[in-house]
Protein backbone atom coordinates (compact mmCIF):
# COMPACT_ATOMS: atom_id res chain seq x y z
CA MET A 1 0.00 0.00 0.00
CA LYS A 2 2.84 2.41 0.74
CA GLY A 3 4.12 2.09 -2.84
CA MET A 4 0.73 3.16 -4.16
CA THR A 5 0.72 6.28 -2.04
CA LYS A 6 4.20 7.20 -3.14
CA LEU A 7 3.26 6.67 -6.79
CA ALA A 8 0.19 8.87 -6.38
CA ASP A 9 2.28 11.54 -4.71
CA SER A 10 4.86 11.35 -7.49
CA LEU A 11 2.20 11.65 -10.17
CA GLN A 12 0.59 14.64 -8.45
CA LYS A 13 3.98 16.32 -8.12
CA MET A 14 4.68 15.73 -11.83
CA ILE A 15 1.25 17.12 -12.80
CA GLU A 16 1.93 20.26 -10.79
CA GLU A 17 5.54 20.62 -11.91
CA TYR A 18 4.71 20.39 -15.61
CA ASP A 19 1.48 22.40 -15.28
CA LEU A 20 -0.62 19.54 -16.68
CA GLU A 21 -3.71 20.11 -14.57
CA GLY A 22 -5.31 22.54 -17.05
CA PRO A 23 -4.90 20.30 -20.10
CA MET A 24 -6.18 17.32 -18.11
CA GLU A 25 -9.30 19.23 -17.07
CA GLN A 26 -9.86 20.42 -20.63
CA SER A 27 -9.63 16.85 -21.83
CA GLU A 28 -12.17 15.80 -19.20
CA VAL A 29 -14.61 18.45 -20.46
CA LEU A 30 -14.40 16.95 -23.95
CA GLU A 31 -14.73 13.39 -22.66
CA LYS A 32 -17.71 14.12 -20.40
CA TRP A 33 -19.56 16.42 -22.77
CA GLY A 34 -22.69 14.26 -22.72
CA GLU A 35 -22.85 14.37 -18.93
CA ILE A 36 -22.39 18.13 -18.94
CA VAL A 37 -24.97 19.10 -21.59
CA GLY A 38 -27.29 16.10 -21.49
CA GLU A 39 -28.13 13.49 -24.09
CA LYS A 40 -30.38 15.69 -26.22
CA LEU A 41 -27.77 18.40 -26.88
CA ALA A 42 -24.90 15.91 -26.99
CA ALA A 43 -26.66 14.04 -29.81
CA HIS A 44 -26.32 17.14 -32.01
CA THR A 45 -22.99 18.55 -30.85
CA THR A 46 -19.35 17.51 -30.64
CA PRO A 47 -16.81 19.46 -28.61
CA GLU A 48 -13.71 19.88 -30.74
CA LYS A 49 -11.14 21.59 -28.50
CA ILE A 50 -10.48 24.13 -25.79
CA ALA A 51 -7.77 26.69 -26.48
CA HIS A 52 -7.08 29.76 -24.34
CA GLY A 53 -10.45 29.36 -22.62
CA LYS A 54 -12.37 29.13 -25.89
CA LEU A 55 -14.44 25.95 -26.34
CA ILE A 56 -15.14 25.11 -29.98
CA VAL A 57 -18.24 22.95 -30.47
CA LYS A 58 -19.31 21.47 -33.79
CA VAL A 59 -23.09 21.43 -34.29
CA ASP A 60 -24.78 19.14 -36.80
CA SER A 61 -27.25 21.66 -38.25
CA PRO A 62 -27.99 25.38 -38.38
CA THR A 63 -31.27 24.76 -36.53
CA TRP A 64 -29.45 23.18 -33.59
CA ARG A 65 -26.76 25.87 -33.71
CA ASN A 66 -29.51 28.48 -33.19
CA GLU A 67 -31.17 26.40 -30.46
CA ILE A 68 -28.00 25.79 -28.46
CA GLN A 69 -27.14 29.51 -28.40
CA PHE A 70 -29.79 29.84 -25.68
CA TYR A 71 -27.83 27.41 -23.49
CA LYS A 72 -24.37 28.89 -24.02
CA GLU A 73 -24.05 30.71 -20.69
CA GLN A 74 -25.53 27.80 -18.74
CA ILE A 75 -23.12 25.32 -20.38
CA LYS A 76 -20.18 27.58 -19.56
CA ALA A 77 -21.35 27.93 -15.94
CA ASP A 78 -21.87 24.16 -15.62
CA ILE A 79 -18.37 23.40 -16.91
CA ASN A 80 -16.68 25.95 -14.67
CA SER A 81 -18.64 24.96 -11.57
CA ARG A 82 -17.86 21.28 -12.19
CA PHE A 83 -14.14 22.08 -11.78
CA ASP A 84 -14.64 24.91 -9.30
CA LYS A 85 -12.58 27.24 -11.49
CA THR A 86 -12.72 28.96 -14.86
CA ILE A 87 -11.84 26.56 -17.65
CA VAL A 88 -14.09 27.98 -20.35
CA THR A 89 -14.50 31.72 -20.91
CA GLN A 90 -16.12 31.56 -24.33
CA ILE A 91 -18.05 28.99 -26.38
CA VAL A 92 -18.13 29.09 -30.18
CA PHE A 93 -20.56 26.91 -32.11
CA VAL A 94 -19.50 26.00 -35.63
């Protein structure tokens, strides 16, 4: 058991030292998109990337792109509250 704790400590130290926490959280946003926005919106959208706080989301039709605009601020708030810090400052639907 002691080896496991030391490994976990080493990994955490490496994450902090190489400033990997942000990219790991961004990756988690992309992976858990369906949980964040729900099945209905996830069925019509695909998160592409997060760069400099900007989340790019591909939408499958102009109709859905218009619809999802109403949820933009709520999606951003849900993402940031999930991590208890600002990860996304802007969302762009393409």
